[in-house]
PDB file of N, CA and C in Angstrom:
ATOM      1  N   MET A   1      81.149 108.752  98.745  1.00  0.00           N
ATOM      2  CA  MET A   1      82.351 109.474  99.092  1.00  0.00           C
ATOM      3  C   MET A   1      82.271 110.913  98.590  1.00  0.00           C
ATOM      4  N   ASN A   2      81.704 111.162  97.416  1.00  0.00           N
ATOM      5  CA  ASN A   2      81.590 112.510  96.884  1.00  0.00           C
ATOM      6  C   ASN A   2      80.649 113.378  97.707  1.00  0.00           C
ATOM      7  N   GLU A   3      79.628 112.742  98.277  1.00  0.00           N
ATOM      8  CA  GLU A   3      78.690 113.492  99.099  1.00  0.00           C
ATOM      9  C   GLU A   3      79.376 114.038 100.346  1.00  0.00           C
ATOM     10  N   LYS A   4      80.300 113.294 100.897  1.00  0.00           N
ATOM     11  CA  LYS A   4      81.008 113.722 102.091  1.00  0.00           C
ATOM     12  C   LYS A   4      81.903 114.931 101.784  1.00  0.00           C
ATOM     13  N   LYS A   5      82.590 114.898 100.651  1.00  0.00           N
ATOM     14  CA  LYS A   5      83.455 116.012 100.279  1.00  0.00           C
ATOM     15  C   LYS A   5      82.643 117.276 100.010  1.00  0.00           C
ATOM     16  N   ALA A   6      81.519 117.129  99.361  1.00  0.00           N
ATOM     17  CA  ALA A   6      80.698 118.290  99.030  1.00  0.00           C
ATOM     18  C   ALA A   6      80.147 118.949 100.287  1.00  0.00           C
ATOM     19  N   SER A   7      79.814 118.157 101.290  1.00  0.00           N
ATOM     20  CA  SER A   7      79.248 118.740 102.497  1.00  0.00           C
ATOM     21  C   SER A   7      80.322 119.352 103.397  1.00  0.00           C
ATOM     22  N   GLN A   8      81.570 118.947 103.229  1.00  0.00           N
ATOM     23  CA  GLN A   8      82.633 119.477 104.081  1.00  0.00           C
ATOM     24  C   GLN A   8      83.236 120.771 103.546  1.00  0.00           C
ATOM     25  N   THR A   9      83.208 120.970 102.240  1.00  0.00           N
ATOM     26  CA  THR A   9      83.792 122.183 101.692  1.00  0.00           C
ATOM     27  C   THR A   9      82.793 123.326 101.806  1.00  0.00           C
ATOM     28  N   PRO A  10      83.227 124.482 102.324  1.00  0.00           N
ATOM     29  CA  PRO A  10      82.305 125.619 102.440  1.00  0.00           C
ATOM     30  C   PRO A  10      82.020 126.201 101.060  1.00  0.00           C
ATOM     31  N   ALA A  11      80.837 126.765 100.927  1.00  0.00           N
ATOM     32  CA  ALA A  11      80.438 127.364  99.652  1.00  0.00           C
ATOM     33  C   ALA A  11      81.143 128.705  99.493  1.00  0.00           C
ATOM     34  N   ASN A  12      81.787 128.894  98.350  1.00  0.00           N
ATOM     35  CA  ASN A  12      82.426 130.164  98.054  1.00  0.00           C
ATOM     36  C   ASN A  12      81.452 131.019  97.254  1.00  0.00           C
ATOM     37  N   ASN A  13      80.939 132.065  97.885  1.00  0.00           N
ATOM     38  CA  ASN A  13      80.026 132.955  97.197  1.00  0.00           C
ATOM     39  C   ASN A  13      80.816 133.897  96.309  1.00  0.00           C
ATOM     40  N   LEU A  14      80.273 134.183  95.153  1.00  0.00           N
ATOM     41  CA  LEU A  14      80.925 135.081  94.220  1.00  0.00           C
ATOM     42  C   LEU A  14      80.922 136.511  94.759  1.00  0.00           C
ATOM     43  N   PHE A  15      79.817 136.915  95.374  1.00  0.00           N
ATOM     44  CA  PHE A  15      79.685 138.255  95.924  1.00  0.00           C
ATOM     45  C   PHE A  15      79.432 138.174  97.418  1.00  0.00           C
ATOM     46  N   GLY A  16      79.871 139.194  98.130  1.00  0.00           N
ATOM     47  CA  GLY A  16      79.588 139.305  99.550  1.00  0.00           C
ATOM     48  C   GLY A  16      78.351 140.161  99.770  1.00  0.00           C
ATOM     49  N   LYS A  17      78.001 140.351 101.023  1.00  0.00           N
ATOM     50  CA  LYS A  17      76.813 141.129 101.363  1.00  0.00           C
ATOM     51  C   LYS A  17      76.942 142.572 100.885  1.00  0.00           C
ATOM     52  N   GLU A  18      78.129 143.154 101.034  1.00  0.00           N
ATOM     53  CA  GLU A  18      78.328 144.542 100.615  1.00  0.00           C
ATOM     54  C   GLU A  18      78.219 144.693  99.101  1.00  0.00           C
ATOM     55  N   ASN A  19      78.637 143.675  98.359  1.00  0.00           N
ATOM     56  CA  ASN A  19      78.493 143.717  96.904  1.00  0.00           C
ATOM     57  C   ASN A  19      77.019 143.797  96.516  1.00  0.00           C
ATOM     58  N   TYR A  20      76.199 142.999  97.174  1.00  0.00           N
ATOM     59  CA  TYR A  20      74.774 143.016  96.864  1.00  0.00           C
ATOM     60  C   TYR A  20      74.139 144.353  97.244  1.00  0.00           C
ATOM     61  N   ILE A  21      74.608 144.961  98.318  1.00  0.00           N
ATOM     62  CA  ILE A  21      74.100 146.280  98.700  1.00  0.00           C
ATOM     63  C   ILE A  21      74.457 147.303  97.623  1.00  0.00           C
ATOM     64  N   TRP A  22      75.688 147.252  97.108  1.00  0.00           N
ATOM     65  CA  TRP A  22      76.100 148.158  96.033  1.00  0.00           C
ATOM     66  C   TRP A  22      75.291 147.900  94.759  1.00  0.00           C
ATOM     67  N   ILE A  23      75.003 146.639  94.469  1.00  0.00           N
ATOM     68  CA  ILE A  23      74.219 146.314  93.276  1.00  0.00           C
ATOM     69  C   ILE A  23      72.811 146.880  93.395  1.00  0.00           C
ATOM     70  N   ILE A  24      72.179 146.700  94.544  1.00  0.00           N
ATOM     71  CA  ILE A  24      70.830 147.230  94.744  1.00  0.00           C
ATOM     72  C   ILE A  24      70.838 148.752  94.695  1.00  0.00           C
ATOM     73  N   GLY A  25      71.860 149.368  95.289  1.00  0.00           N
ATOM     74  CA  GLY A  25      71.973 150.829  95.232  1.00  0.00           C
ATOM     75  C   GLY A  25      72.145 151.322  93.810  1.00  0.00           C
ATOM     76  N   GLY A  26      72.968 150.631  93.022  1.00  0.00           N
ATOM     77  CA  GLY A  26      73.158 151.013  91.626  1.00  0.00           C
ATOM     78  C   GLY A  26      71.878 150.894  90.822  1.00  0.00           C
ATOM     79  N   LEU A  27      71.113 149.839  91.078  1.00  0.00           N
ATOM     80  CA  LEU A  27      69.830 149.681  90.383  1.00  0.00           C
ATOM     81  C   LEU A  27      68.853 150.786  90.772  1.00  0.00           C
ATOM     82  N   ALA A  28      68.881 151.186  92.030  1.00  0.00           N
ATOM     83  CA  ALA A  28      68.009 152.273  92.486  1.00  0.00           C
ATOM     84  C   ALA A  28      68.396 153.594  91.805  1.00  0.00           C
ATOM     85  N   VAL A  29      69.696 153.852  91.672  1.00  0.00           N
ATOM     86  CA  VAL A  29      70.153 155.083  91.023  1.00  0.00           C
ATOM     87  C   VAL A  29      69.781 155.067  89.541  1.00  0.00           C
ATOM     88  N   ILE A  30      69.923 153.929  88.877  1.00  0.00           N
ATOM     89  CA  ILE A  30      69.520 153.819  87.475  1.00  0.00           C
ATOM     90  C   ILE A  30      68.016 154.041  87.345  1.00  0.00           C
ATOM     91  N   GLY A  31      67.243 153.468  88.238  1.00  0.00           N
ATOM     92  CA  GLY A  31      65.791 153.671  88.227  1.00  0.00           C
ATOM     93  C   GLY A  31      65.420 155.130  88.418  1.00  0.00           C
ATOM     94  N   LEU A  32      66.120 155.819  89.305  1.00  0.00           N
ATOM     95  CA  LEU A  32      65.872 157.246  89.521  1.00  0.00           C
ATOM     96  C   LEU A  32      66.153 158.028  88.240  1.00  0.00           C
ATOM     97  N   GLY A  33      67.246 157.694  87.563  1.00  0.00           N
ATOM     98  CA  GLY A  33      67.564 158.366  86.308  1.00  0.00           C
ATOM     99  C   GLY A  33      66.502 158.126  85.249  1.00  0.00           C
ATOM    100  N   LEU A  34      65.993 156.913  85.169  1.00  0.00           N
ATOM    101  CA  LEU A  34      64.944 156.612  84.191  1.00  0.00           C
ATOM    102  C   LEU A  34      63.647 157.343  84.522  1.00  0.00           C
ATOM    103  N   ILE A  35      63.335 157.464  85.801  1.00  0.00           N
ATOM    104  CA  ILE A  35      62.134 158.204  86.205  1.00  0.00           C
ATOM    105  C   ILE A  35      62.284 159.677  85.846  1.00  0.00           C
ATOM    106  N   LEU A  36      63.469 160.246  86.080  1.00  0.00           N
ATOM    107  CA  LEU A  36      63.695 161.647  85.728  1.00  0.00           C
ATOM    108  C   LEU A  36      63.640 161.872  84.225  1.00  0.00           C
ATOM    109  N   MET A  37      64.011 160.866  83.449  1.00  0.00           N
ATOM    110  CA  MET A  37      64.013 161.005  81.995  1.00  0.00           C
ATOM    111  C   MET A  37      62.612 160.859  81.404  1.00  0.00           C
ATOM    112  N   ALA A  38      61.716 160.212  82.104  1.00  0.00           N
ATOM    113  CA  ALA A  38      60.374 159.954  81.585  1.00  0.00           C
ATOM    114  C   ALA A  38      59.539 161.231  81.575  1.00  0.00           C
ATOM    115  N   GLY A  39      58.493 161.194  80.810  1.00  0.00           N
ATOM    116  CA  GLY A  39      57.558 162.309  80.779  1.00  0.00           C
ATOM    117  C   GLY A  39      57.714 163.164  79.532  1.00  0.00           C
ATOM    118  N   GLY A  40      57.229 164.398  79.618  1.00  0.00           N
ATOM    119  CA  GLY A  40      57.297 165.313  78.499  1.00  0.00           C
ATOM    120  C   GLY A  40      56.095 165.230  77.587  1.00  0.00           C
ATOM    121  N   LYS A  41      55.081 164.485  78.017  1.00  0.00           N
ATOM    122  CA  LYS A  41      53.887 164.349  77.190  1.00  0.00           C
ATOM    123  C   LYS A  41      53.023 165.599  77.344  1.00  0.00           C
ATOM    124  N   SER A  42      52.529 166.080  76.228  1.00  0.00           N
ATOM    125  CA  SER A  42      51.682 167.265  76.229  1.00  0.00           C
ATOM    126  C   SER A  42      50.221 166.857  76.358  1.00  0.00           C
ATOM    127  N   ASP A  43      49.434 167.712  76.990  1.00  0.00           N
ATOM    128  CA  ASP A  43      47.999 167.440  77.107  1.00  0.00           C
ATOM    129  C   ASP A  43      47.328 167.501  75.737  1.00  0.00           C
ATOM    130  N   ASP A  44      47.787 168.423  74.911  1.00  0.00           N
ATOM    131  CA  ASP A  44      47.240 168.583  73.569  1.00  0.00           C
ATOM    132  C   ASP A  44      48.269 168.070  72.558  1.00  0.00           C
ATOM    133  N   PRO A  45      47.949 167.049  71.781  1.00  0.00           N
ATOM    134  CA  PRO A  45      48.945 166.504  70.852  1.00  0.00           C
ATOM    135  C   PRO A  45      49.331 167.460  69.728  1.00  0.00           C
ATOM    136  N   ASN A  46      48.560 168.514  69.525  1.00  0.00           N
ATOM    137  CA  ASN A  46      48.865 169.486  68.475  1.00  0.00           C
ATOM    138  C   ASN A  46      49.827 170.568  68.944  1.00  0.00           C
ATOM    139  N   VAL A  47      50.133 170.590  70.251  1.00  0.00           N
ATOM    140  CA  VAL A  47      51.006 171.624  70.803  1.00  0.00           C
ATOM    141  C   VAL A  47      52.314 170.969  71.219  1.00  0.00           C
ATOM    142  N   PHE A  48      53.422 171.538  70.726  1.00  0.00           N
ATOM    143  CA  PHE A  48      54.751 171.040  71.087  1.00  0.00           C
ATOM    144  C   PHE A  48      55.401 172.043  72.026  1.00  0.00           C
ATOM    145  N   ASN A  49      55.766 171.574  73.220  1.00  0.00           N
ATOM    146  CA  ASN A  49      56.413 172.433  74.204  1.00  0.00           C
ATOM    147  C   ASN A  49      57.864 171.986  74.361  1.00  0.00           C
ATOM    148  N   PRO A  50      58.803 172.691  73.729  1.00  0.00           N
ATOM    149  CA  PRO A  50      60.205 172.257  73.808  1.00  0.00           C
ATOM    150  C   PRO A  50      60.798 172.368  75.211  1.00  0.00           C
ATOM    151  N   LYS A  51      60.222 173.222  76.056  1.00  0.00           N
ATOM    152  CA  LYS A  51      60.739 173.348  77.425  1.00  0.00           C
ATOM    153  C   LYS A  51      60.497 172.074  78.235  1.00  0.00           C
ATOM    154  N   GLU A  52      59.419 171.362  77.932  1.00  0.00           N
ATOM    155  CA  GLU A  52      59.148 170.102  78.627  1.00  0.00           C
ATOM    156  C   GLU A  52      60.005 168.969  78.081  1.00  0.00           C
ATOM    157  N   VAL A  53      60.115 168.887  76.778  1.00  0.00           N
ATOM    158  CA  VAL A  53      60.827 167.780  76.138  1.00  0.00           C
ATOM    159  C   VAL A  53      62.335 167.930  76.302  1.00  0.00           C
ATOM    160  N   TYR A  54      62.844 169.134  76.094  1.00  0.00           N
ATOM    161  CA  TYR A  54      64.282 169.362  76.109  1.00  0.00           C
ATOM    162  C   TYR A  54      64.734 170.062  77.395  1.00  0.00           C
ATOM    163  N   SER A  55      64.166 169.681  78.513  1.00  0.00           N
ATOM    164  CA  SER A  55      64.543 170.301  79.776  1.00  0.00           C
ATOM    165  C   SER A  55      65.911 169.798  80.237  1.00  0.00           C
ATOM    166  N   PHE A  56      66.545 170.559  81.106  1.00  0.00           N
ATOM    167  CA  PHE A  56      67.851 170.187  81.654  1.00  0.00           C
ATOM    168  C   PHE A  56      67.782 168.830  82.341  1.00  0.00           C
ATOM    169  N   THR A  57      66.690 168.562  83.033  1.00  0.00           N
ATOM    170  CA  THR A  57      66.551 167.306  83.771  1.00  0.00           C
ATOM    171  C   THR A  57      66.564 166.109  82.835  1.00  0.00           C
ATOM    172  N   ARG A  58      65.834 166.200  81.727  1.00  0.00           N
ATOM    173  CA  ARG A  58      65.722 165.049  80.817  1.00  0.00           C
ATOM    174  C   ARG A  58      66.943 164.878  79.924  1.00  0.00           C
ATOM    175  N   ILE A  59      67.546 165.974  79.517  1.00  0.00           N
ATOM    176  CA  ILE A  59      68.626 165.898  78.534  1.00  0.00           C
ATOM    177  C   ILE A  59      69.998 165.737  79.192  1.00  0.00           C
ATOM    178  N   THR A  60      70.196 166.327  80.363  1.00  0.00           N
ATOM    179  CA  THR A  60      71.526 166.330  80.972  1.00  0.00           C
ATOM    180  C   THR A  60      71.585 165.546  82.274  1.00  0.00           C
ATOM    181  N   LEU A  61      70.731 165.892  83.216  1.00  0.00           N
ATOM    182  CA  LEU A  61      70.816 165.325  84.564  1.00  0.00           C
ATOM    183  C   LEU A  61      70.496 163.822  84.584  1.00  0.00           C
ATOM    184  N   ALA A  62      69.420 163.407  83.948  1.00  0.00           N
ATOM    185  CA  ALA A  62      69.018 161.999  83.980  1.00  0.00           C
ATOM    186  C   ALA A  62      70.069 161.071  83.364  1.00  0.00           C
ATOM    187  N   PRO A  63      70.645 161.383  82.195  1.00  0.00           N
ATOM    188  CA  PRO A  63      71.685 160.493  81.669  1.00  0.00           C
ATOM    189  C   PRO A  63      72.929 160.419  82.559  1.00  0.00           C
ATOM    190  N   ILE A  64      73.292 161.528  83.198  1.00  0.00           N
ATOM    191  CA  ILE A  64      74.443 161.506  84.111  1.00  0.00           C
ATOM    192  C   ILE A  64      74.146 160.603  85.297  1.00  0.00           C
ATOM    193  N   ILE A  65      72.941 160.672  85.832  1.00  0.00           N
ATOM    194  CA  ILE A  65      72.563 159.821  86.965  1.00  0.00           C
ATOM    195  C   ILE A  65      72.564 158.352  86.549  1.00  0.00           C
ATOM    196  N   ILE A  66      72.085 158.055  85.345  1.00  0.00           N
ATOM    197  CA  ILE A  66      72.094 156.672  84.861  1.00  0.00           C
ATOM    198  C   ILE A  66      73.530 156.167  84.726  1.00  0.00           C
ATOM    199  N   LEU A  67      74.425 156.997  84.193  1.00  0.00           N
ATOM    200  CA  LEU A  67      75.829 156.590  84.074  1.00  0.00           C
ATOM    201  C   LEU A  67      76.471 156.382  85.444  1.00  0.00           C
ATOM    202  N   LEU A  68      76.112 157.196  86.420  1.00  0.00           N
ATOM    203  CA  LEU A  68      76.613 156.980  87.787  1.00  0.00           C
ATOM    204  C   LEU A  68      76.115 155.639  88.339  1.00  0.00           C
ATOM    205  N   GLY A  69      74.861 155.304  88.064  1.00  0.00           N
ATOM    206  CA  GLY A  69      74.326 154.014  88.493  1.00  0.00           C
ATOM    207  C   GLY A  69      75.048 152.851  87.826  1.00  0.00           C
ATOM    208  N   LEU A  70      75.369 152.995  86.554  1.00  0.00           N
ATOM    209  CA  LEU A  70      76.116 151.946  85.859  1.00  0.00           C
ATOM    210  C   LEU A  70      77.530 151.817  86.424  1.00  0.00           C
ATOM    211  N   ALA A  71      78.142 152.949  86.776  1.00  0.00           N
ATOM    212  CA  ALA A  71      79.468 152.909  87.397  1.00  0.00           C
ATOM    213  C   ALA A  71      79.400 152.200  88.752  1.00  0.00           C
ATOM    214  N   MET A  72      78.314 152.421  89.496  1.00  0.00           N
ATOM    215  CA  MET A  72      78.138 151.723  90.776  1.00  0.00           C
ATOM    216  C   MET A  72      78.025 150.215  90.551  1.00  0.00           C
ATOM    217  N   GLU A  73      77.344 149.818  89.487  1.00  0.00           N
ATOM    218  CA  GLU A  73      77.207 148.398  89.176  1.00  0.00           C
ATOM    219  C   GLU A  73      78.560 147.780  88.845  1.00  0.00           C
ATOM    220  N   VAL A  74      79.361 148.478  88.060  1.00  0.00           N
ATOM    221  CA  VAL A  74      80.703 147.974  87.725  1.00  0.00           C
ATOM    222  C   VAL A  74      81.544 147.860  88.985  1.00  0.00           C
ATOM    223  N   PHE A  75      81.473 148.874  89.844  1.00  0.00           N
ATOM    224  CA  PHE A  75      82.205 148.833  91.109  1.00  0.00           C
ATOM    225  C   PHE A  75      81.759 147.644  91.952  1.00  0.00           C
ATOM    226  N   ALA A  76      80.445 147.415  92.002  1.00  0.00           N
ATOM    227  CA  ALA A  76      79.920 146.308  92.812  1.00  0.00           C
ATOM    228  C   ALA A  76      80.378 144.958  92.285  1.00  0.00           C
ATOM    229  N   ILE A  77      80.493 144.832  90.984  1.00  0.00           N
ATOM    230  CA  ILE A  77      80.904 143.555  90.402  1.00  0.00           C
ATOM    231  C   ILE A  77      82.394 143.291  90.651  1.00  0.00           C
ATOM    232  N   PHE A  78      83.218 144.319  90.507  1.00  0.00           N
ATOM    233  CA  PHE A  78      84.663 144.122  90.616  1.00  0.00           C
ATOM    234  C   PHE A  78      85.187 144.212  92.046  1.00  0.00           C
ATOM    235  N   ARG A  79      84.372 144.667  92.974  1.00  0.00           N
ATOM    236  CA  ARG A  79      84.807 144.785  94.369  1.00  0.00           C
ATOM    237  C   ARG A  79      84.982 143.403  94.971  1.00  0.00           C
ATOM    238  N   LYS A  80      86.129 143.196  95.599  1.00  0.00           N
ATOM    239  CA  LYS A  80      86.386 141.894  96.228  1.00  0.00           C
ATOM    240  C   LYS A  80      85.670 141.845  97.581  1.00  0.00           C
ATOM    241  N   PRO A  81      84.946 140.753  97.844  1.00  0.00           N
ATOM    242  CA  PRO A  81      84.279 140.646  99.138  1.00  0.00           C
ATOM    243  C   PRO A  81      85.299 140.469 100.264  1.00  0.00           C
ATOM    244  N   LYS A  82      84.960 141.035 101.403  1.00  0.00           N
ATOM    245  CA  LYS A  82      85.833 140.894 102.577  1.00  0.00           C
ATOM    246  C   LYS A  82      85.788 139.465 103.091  1.00  0.00           C
ATOM    247  N   LYS A  83      86.923 138.949 103.497  1.00  0.00           N
ATOM    248  CA  LYS A  83      86.964 137.591 104.075  1.00  0.00           C
ATOM    249  C   LYS A  83      86.690 137.685 105.561  1.00  0.00           C
ATOM    250  N   GLY A  84      85.934 136.743 106.028  1.00  0.00           N
ATOM    251  CA  GLY A  84      85.726 136.708 107.467  1.00  0.00           C
ATOM    252  C   GLY A  84      84.363 136.613 107.888  1.00  0.00           C
TER     253      GLY A  84
END
């Protein structure tokens, strides 16, 4: 009898297709931020180049992009899937 009830009730998915698209997009944006933050290695370990290490891209832009990606993830989780 339990098998019949389980097969008749439709599966309620926690997320819809659009939620998964937002999740993948958020992960891509976070990945882009991490790629922008990487680097700064000098060819000569005895030479320190502060322009490479402390560039605008690594210190300001990359963390903002990562935070935008995290905001997209929160939006994707809390967004209600459309019925239908």
